[in-house]
Amino acid sequence: VGAVLPLARRAWSQVSPGWMPAIDTI
């Protein structure tokens, strides 16, 4: 769901510096 998009992006930036994958809903 769209509600978790910012959480997923923030979590990625904390886990893996550098390129971020495209994070989206279905």
PDB file of all heavy atoms in Angstrom:
ATOM      1  N   VAL A   1       0.844  -1.207   0.000  1.00  0.00           N
ATOM      2  CA  VAL A   1       0.000   0.000   0.000  1.00  0.00           C
ATOM      3  C   VAL A   1       0.872   1.249   0.000  1.00  0.00           C
ATOM      4  O   VAL A   1       2.019   1.234   0.454  1.00  0.00           O
ATOM      5  CB  VAL A   1      -0.943   0.053   1.226  1.00  0.00           C
ATOM      6  CG1 VAL A   1      -1.989  -1.039   1.178  1.00  0.00           C
ATOM      7  CG2 VAL A   1      -0.174  -0.019   2.514  1.00  0.00           C
ATOM      8  N   GLY A   2       0.309   2.338  -0.513  1.00  0.00           N
ATOM      9  CA  GLY A   2       1.046   3.592  -0.595  1.00  0.00           C
ATOM     10  C   GLY A   2       1.473   4.141   0.753  1.00  0.00           C
ATOM     11  O   GLY A   2       2.445   4.889   0.835  1.00  0.00           O
ATOM     12  N   ALA A   3       0.778   3.775   1.804  1.00  0.00           N
ATOM     13  CA  ALA A   3       1.099   4.303   3.129  1.00  0.00           C
ATOM     14  C   ALA A   3       2.492   3.891   3.605  1.00  0.00           C
ATOM     15  O   ALA A   3       3.093   4.585   4.425  1.00  0.00           O
ATOM     16  CB  ALA A   3       0.056   3.853   4.146  1.00  0.00           C
ATOM     17  N   VAL A   4       3.020   2.786   3.085  1.00  0.00           N
ATOM     18  CA  VAL A   4       4.332   2.331   3.542  1.00  0.00           C
ATOM     19  C   VAL A   4       5.470   2.776   2.618  1.00  0.00           C
ATOM     20  O   VAL A   4       6.634   2.477   2.901  1.00  0.00           O
ATOM     21  CB  VAL A   4       4.375   0.790   3.730  1.00  0.00           C
ATOM     22  CG1 VAL A   4       3.389   0.349   4.790  1.00  0.00           C
ATOM     23  CG2 VAL A   4       4.142   0.073   2.435  1.00  0.00           C
ATOM     24  N   LEU A   5       5.166   3.491   1.547  1.00  0.00           N
ATOM     25  CA  LEU A   5       6.212   3.937   0.630  1.00  0.00           C
ATOM     26  C   LEU A   5       7.299   4.757   1.331  1.00  0.00           C
ATOM     27  O   LEU A   5       8.488   4.449   1.184  1.00  0.00           O
ATOM     28  CB  LEU A   5       5.616   4.734  -0.533  1.00  0.00           C
ATOM     29  CG  LEU A   5       4.938   3.905  -1.616  1.00  0.00           C
ATOM     30  CD1 LEU A   5       4.177   4.799  -2.580  1.00  0.00           C
ATOM     31  CD2 LEU A   5       5.937   3.055  -2.349  1.00  0.00           C
ATOM     32  N   PRO A   6       6.934   5.802   2.098  1.00  0.00           N
ATOM     33  CA  PRO A   6       8.003   6.564   2.750  1.00  0.00           C
ATOM     34  C   PRO A   6       8.797   5.735   3.765  1.00  0.00           C
ATOM     35  O   PRO A   6      10.013   5.916   3.915  1.00  0.00           O
ATOM     36  CB  PRO A   6       7.289   7.729   3.439  1.00  0.00           C
ATOM     37  CG  PRO A   6       5.842   7.492   3.302  1.00  0.00           C
ATOM     38  CD  PRO A   6       5.631   6.378   2.332  1.00  0.00           C
ATOM     39  N   LEU A   7       8.130   4.814   4.442  1.00  0.00           N
ATOM     40  CA  LEU A   7       8.822   3.958   5.406  1.00  0.00           C
ATOM     41  C   LEU A   7       9.810   3.040   4.690  1.00  0.00           C
ATOM     42  O   LEU A   7      10.942   2.853   5.158  1.00  0.00           O
ATOM     43  CB  LEU A   7       7.809   3.124   6.197  1.00  0.00           C
ATOM     44  CG  LEU A   7       6.774   3.906   7.005  1.00  0.00           C
ATOM     45  CD1 LEU A   7       5.726   2.967   7.572  1.00  0.00           C
ATOM     46  CD2 LEU A   7       7.446   4.701   8.089  1.00  0.00           C
ATOM     47  N   ALA A   8       9.393   2.482   3.564  1.00  0.00           N
ATOM     48  CA  ALA A   8      10.274   1.589   2.812  1.00  0.00           C
ATOM     49  C   ALA A   8      11.484   2.353   2.272  1.00  0.00           C
ATOM     50  O   ALA A   8      12.618   1.867   2.338  1.00  0.00           O
ATOM     51  CB  ALA A   8       9.499   0.937   1.671  1.00  0.00           C
ATOM     52  N   ARG A   9      11.255   3.552   1.766  1.00  0.00           N
ATOM     53  CA  ARG A   9      12.375   4.343   1.231  1.00  0.00           C
ATOM     54  C   ARG A   9      13.351   4.731   2.337  1.00  0.00           C
ATOM     55  O   ARG A   9      14.564   4.699   2.156  1.00  0.00           O
ATOM     56  CB  ARG A   9      11.828   5.568   0.506  1.00  0.00           C
ATOM     57  CG  ARG A   9      11.117   5.193  -0.782  1.00  0.00           C
ATOM     58  CD  ARG A   9      10.583   6.399  -1.523  1.00  0.00           C
ATOM     59  NE  ARG A   9       9.931   5.969  -2.747  1.00  0.00           N
ATOM     60  CZ  ARG A   9       8.699   6.286  -3.082  1.00  0.00           C
ATOM     61  NH1 ARG A   9       7.978   7.075  -2.320  1.00  0.00           N
ATOM     62  NH2 ARG A   9       8.179   5.849  -4.212  1.00  0.00           N
ATOM     63  N   ARG A  10      12.808   5.116   3.476  1.00  0.00           N
ATOM     64  CA  ARG A  10      13.669   5.487   4.597  1.00  0.00           C
ATOM     65  C   ARG A  10      14.470   4.271   5.073  1.00  0.00           C
ATOM     66  O   ARG A  10      15.664   4.361   5.346  1.00  0.00           O
ATOM     67  CB  ARG A  10      12.833   6.059   5.744  1.00  0.00           C
ATOM     68  CG  ARG A  10      13.677   6.639   6.869  1.00  0.00           C
ATOM     69  CD  ARG A  10      12.870   7.331   7.969  1.00  0.00           C
ATOM     70  NE  ARG A  10      11.747   8.095   7.475  1.00  0.00           N
ATOM     71  CZ  ARG A  10      10.477   7.851   7.814  1.00  0.00           C
ATOM     72  NH1 ARG A  10      10.176   6.891   8.659  1.00  0.00           N
ATOM     73  NH2 ARG A  10       9.504   8.586   7.337  1.00  0.00           N
ATOM     74  N   ALA A  11      13.798   3.126   5.163  1.00  0.00           N
ATOM     75  CA  ALA A  11      14.488   1.905   5.599  1.00  0.00           C
ATOM     76  C   ALA A  11      15.604   1.543   4.621  1.00  0.00           C
ATOM     77  O   ALA A  11      16.696   1.161   5.040  1.00  0.00           O
ATOM     78  CB  ALA A  11      13.486   0.753   5.717  1.00  0.00           C
ATOM     79  N   TRP A  12      15.348   1.685   3.319  1.00  0.00           N
ATOM     80  CA  TRP A  12      16.395   1.377   2.343  1.00  0.00           C
ATOM     81  C   TRP A  12      17.598   2.294   2.530  1.00  0.00           C
ATOM     82  O   TRP A  12      18.734   1.851   2.499  1.00  0.00           O
ATOM     83  CB  TRP A  12      15.873   1.475   0.915  1.00  0.00           C
ATOM     84  CG  TRP A  12      16.950   1.122  -0.050  1.00  0.00           C
ATOM     85  CD1 TRP A  12      17.882   1.965  -0.586  1.00  0.00           C
ATOM     86  CD2 TRP A  12      17.271  -0.168  -0.527  1.00  0.00           C
ATOM     87  NE1 TRP A  12      18.745   1.277  -1.384  1.00  0.00           N
ATOM     88  CE2 TRP A  12      18.395  -0.050  -1.371  1.00  0.00           C
ATOM     89  CE3 TRP A  12      16.709  -1.425  -0.346  1.00  0.00           C
ATOM     90  CZ2 TRP A  12      18.967  -1.127  -2.022  1.00  0.00           C
ATOM     91  CZ3 TRP A  12      17.270  -2.506  -0.997  1.00  0.00           C
ATOM     92  CH2 TRP A  12      18.395  -2.353  -1.813  1.00  0.00           C
ATOM     93  N   SER A  13      17.333   3.586   2.723  1.00  0.00           N
ATOM     94  CA  SER A  13      18.452   4.534   2.853  1.00  0.00           C
ATOM     95  C   SER A  13      19.281   4.251   4.102  1.00  0.00           C
ATOM     96  O   SER A  13      20.469   4.535   4.135  1.00  0.00           O
ATOM     97  CB  SER A  13      17.941   5.973   2.860  1.00  0.00           C
ATOM     98  OG  SER A  13      17.172   6.228   4.007  1.00  0.00           O
ATOM     99  N   GLN A  14      18.679   3.666   5.126  1.00  0.00           N
ATOM    100  CA  GLN A  14      19.421   3.328   6.339  1.00  0.00           C
ATOM    101  C   GLN A  14      20.214   2.030   6.180  1.00  0.00           C
ATOM    102  O   GLN A  14      21.266   1.857   6.782  1.00  0.00           O
ATOM    103  CB  GLN A  14      18.455   3.208   7.518  1.00  0.00           C
ATOM    104  CG  GLN A  14      17.841   4.532   7.916  1.00  0.00           C
ATOM    105  CD  GLN A  14      16.700   4.364   8.911  1.00  0.00           C
ATOM    106  OE1 GLN A  14      16.248   3.269   9.188  1.00  0.00           O
ATOM    107  NE2 GLN A  14      16.225   5.482   9.442  1.00  0.00           N
ATOM    108  N   VAL A  15      19.707   1.136   5.337  1.00  0.00           N
ATOM    109  CA  VAL A  15      20.328  -0.179   5.159  1.00  0.00           C
ATOM    110  C   VAL A  15      21.427  -0.162   4.112  1.00  0.00           C
ATOM    111  O   VAL A  15      22.468  -0.775   4.288  1.00  0.00           O
ATOM    112  CB  VAL A  15      19.239  -1.212   4.771  1.00  0.00           C
ATOM    113  CG1 VAL A  15      19.851  -2.495   4.257  1.00  0.00           C
ATOM    114  CG2 VAL A  15      18.349  -1.490   5.939  1.00  0.00           C
ATOM    115  N   SER A  16      21.176   0.546   3.021  1.00  0.00           N
ATOM    116  CA  SER A  16      22.079   0.425   1.882  1.00  0.00           C
ATOM    117  C   SER A  16      22.360   1.800   1.279  1.00  0.00           C
ATOM    118  O   SER A  16      21.506   2.365   0.605  1.00  0.00           O
ATOM    119  CB  SER A  16      21.441  -0.482   0.825  1.00  0.00           C
ATOM    120  OG  SER A  16      22.288  -0.588  -0.289  1.00  0.00           O
ATOM    121  N   PRO A  17      23.562   2.336   1.505  1.00  0.00           N
ATOM    122  CA  PRO A  17      23.900   3.608   0.872  1.00  0.00           C
ATOM    123  C   PRO A  17      24.085   3.403  -0.635  1.00  0.00           C
ATOM    124  O   PRO A  17      24.332   2.301  -1.093  1.00  0.00           O
ATOM    125  CB  PRO A  17      25.205   4.006   1.546  1.00  0.00           C
ATOM    126  CG  PRO A  17      25.812   2.716   1.975  1.00  0.00           C
ATOM    127  CD  PRO A  17      24.662   1.805   2.291  1.00  0.00           C
ATOM    128  N   GLY A  18      23.954   4.460  -1.386  1.00  0.00           N
ATOM    129  CA  GLY A  18      24.116   4.346  -2.828  1.00  0.00           C
ATOM    130  C   GLY A  18      22.772   4.321  -3.529  1.00  0.00           C
ATOM    131  O   GLY A  18      21.816   4.943  -3.085  1.00  0.00           O
ATOM    132  N   TRP A  19      22.710   3.582  -4.619  1.00  0.00           N
ATOM    133  CA  TRP A  19      21.503   3.539  -5.432  1.00  0.00           C
ATOM    134  C   TRP A  19      20.325   2.958  -4.656  1.00  0.00           C
ATOM    135  O   TRP A  19      20.475   2.003  -3.909  1.00  0.00           O
ATOM    136  CB  TRP A  19      21.722   2.684  -6.676  1.00  0.00           C
ATOM    137  CG  TRP A  19      22.609   3.325  -7.682  1.00  0.00           C
ATOM    138  CD1 TRP A  19      23.921   3.017  -7.926  1.00  0.00           C
ATOM    139  CD2 TRP A  19      22.285   4.387  -8.562  1.00  0.00           C
ATOM    140  NE1 TRP A  19      24.414   3.815  -8.910  1.00  0.00           N
ATOM    141  CE2 TRP A  19      23.428   4.680  -9.329  1.00  0.00           C
ATOM    142  CE3 TRP A  19      21.132   5.126  -8.787  1.00  0.00           C
ATOM    143  CZ2 TRP A  19      23.462   5.655 -10.297  1.00  0.00           C
ATOM    144  CZ3 TRP A  19      21.163   6.113  -9.756  1.00  0.00           C
ATOM    145  CH2 TRP A  19      22.307   6.368 -10.496  1.00  0.00           C
ATOM    146  N   MET A  20      19.156   3.550  -4.888  1.00  0.00           N
ATOM    147  CA  MET A  20      17.925   3.031  -4.309  1.00  0.00           C
ATOM    148  C   MET A  20      17.110   2.411  -5.434  1.00  0.00           C
ATOM    149  O   MET A  20      17.021   2.980  -6.521  1.00  0.00           O
ATOM    150  CB  MET A  20      17.118   4.163  -3.659  1.00  0.00           C
ATOM    151  CG  MET A  20      15.825   3.688  -3.014  1.00  0.00           C
ATOM    152  SD  MET A  20      14.867   5.019  -2.247  1.00  0.00           S
ATOM    153  CE  MET A  20      15.881   5.439  -0.858  1.00  0.00           C
ATOM    154  N   PRO A  21      16.514   1.254  -5.209  1.00  0.00           N
ATOM    155  CA  PRO A  21      15.650   0.692  -6.245  1.00  0.00           C
ATOM    156  C   PRO A  21      14.379   1.526  -6.366  1.00  0.00           C
ATOM    157  O   PRO A  21      14.063   2.329  -5.494  1.00  0.00           O
ATOM    158  CB  PRO A  21      15.335  -0.710  -5.715  1.00  0.00           C
ATOM    159  CG  PRO A  21      15.480  -0.586  -4.235  1.00  0.00           C
ATOM    160  CD  PRO A  21      16.556   0.436  -4.008  1.00  0.00           C
ATOM    161  N   ALA A  22      13.674   1.344  -7.451  1.00  0.00           N
ATOM    162  CA  ALA A  22      12.355   1.967  -7.576  1.00  0.00           C
ATOM    163  C   ALA A  22      11.442   1.252  -6.587  1.00  0.00           C
ATOM    164  O   ALA A  22      11.302   0.039  -6.627  1.00  0.00           O
ATOM    165  CB  ALA A  22      11.830   1.810  -8.995  1.00  0.00           C
ATOM    166  N   ILE A  23      10.856   2.007  -5.671  1.00  0.00           N
ATOM    167  CA  ILE A  23       9.964   1.419  -4.670  1.00  0.00           C
ATOM    168  C   ILE A  23       8.579   1.965  -4.959  1.00  0.00           C
ATOM    169  O   ILE A  23       8.369   3.176  -4.988  1.00  0.00           O
ATOM    170  CB  ILE A  23      10.415   1.776  -3.238  1.00  0.00           C
ATOM    171  CG1 ILE A  23      11.837   1.255  -2.984  1.00  0.00           C
ATOM    172  CG2 ILE A  23       9.438   1.206  -2.211  1.00  0.00           C
ATOM    173  CD1 ILE A  23      12.438   1.669  -1.658  1.00  0.00           C
ATOM    174  N   ASP A  24       7.634   1.061  -5.204  1.00  0.00           N
ATOM    175  CA  ASP A  24       6.311   1.482  -5.642  1.00  0.00           C
ATOM    176  C   ASP A  24       5.266   0.487  -5.163  1.00  0.00           C
ATOM    177  O   ASP A  24       5.602  -0.587  -4.661  1.00  0.00           O
ATOM    178  CB  ASP A  24       6.286   1.567  -7.174  1.00  0.00           C
ATOM    179  CG  ASP A  24       5.269   2.568  -7.692  1.00  0.00           C
ATOM    180  OD1 ASP A  24       4.407   3.015  -6.907  1.00  0.00           O
ATOM    181  OD2 ASP A  24       5.353   2.910  -8.881  1.00  0.00           O
ATOM    182  N   THR A  25       4.004   0.846  -5.346  1.00  0.00           N
ATOM    183  CA  THR A  25       2.904  -0.078  -5.053  1.00  0.00           C
ATOM    184  C   THR A  25       2.570  -0.852  -6.326  1.00  0.00           C
ATOM    185  O   THR A  25       2.984  -0.477  -7.422  1.00  0.00           O
ATOM    186  CB  THR A  25       1.647   0.678  -4.591  1.00  0.00           C
ATOM    187  OG1 THR A  25       1.217   1.531  -5.662  1.00  0.00           O
ATOM    188  CG2 THR A  25       1.901   1.482  -3.336  1.00  0.00           C
ATOM    189  N   ILE A  26       1.785  -1.894  -6.179  1.00  0.00           N
ATOM    190  CA  ILE A  26       1.355  -2.659  -7.356  1.00  0.00           C
ATOM    191  C   ILE A  26       0.553  -1.756  -8.284  1.00  0.00           C
ATOM    192  O   ILE A  26       0.749  -1.763  -9.502  1.00  0.00           O
ATOM    193  CB  ILE A  26       0.535  -3.892  -6.929  1.00  0.00           C
ATOM    194  CG1 ILE A  26       1.440  -4.880  -6.191  1.00  0.00           C
ATOM    195  CG2 ILE A  26      -0.133  -4.545  -8.126  1.00  0.00           C
ATOM    196  CD1 ILE A  26       0.713  -6.022  -5.530  1.00  0.00           C
TER     197      ILE A  26
END
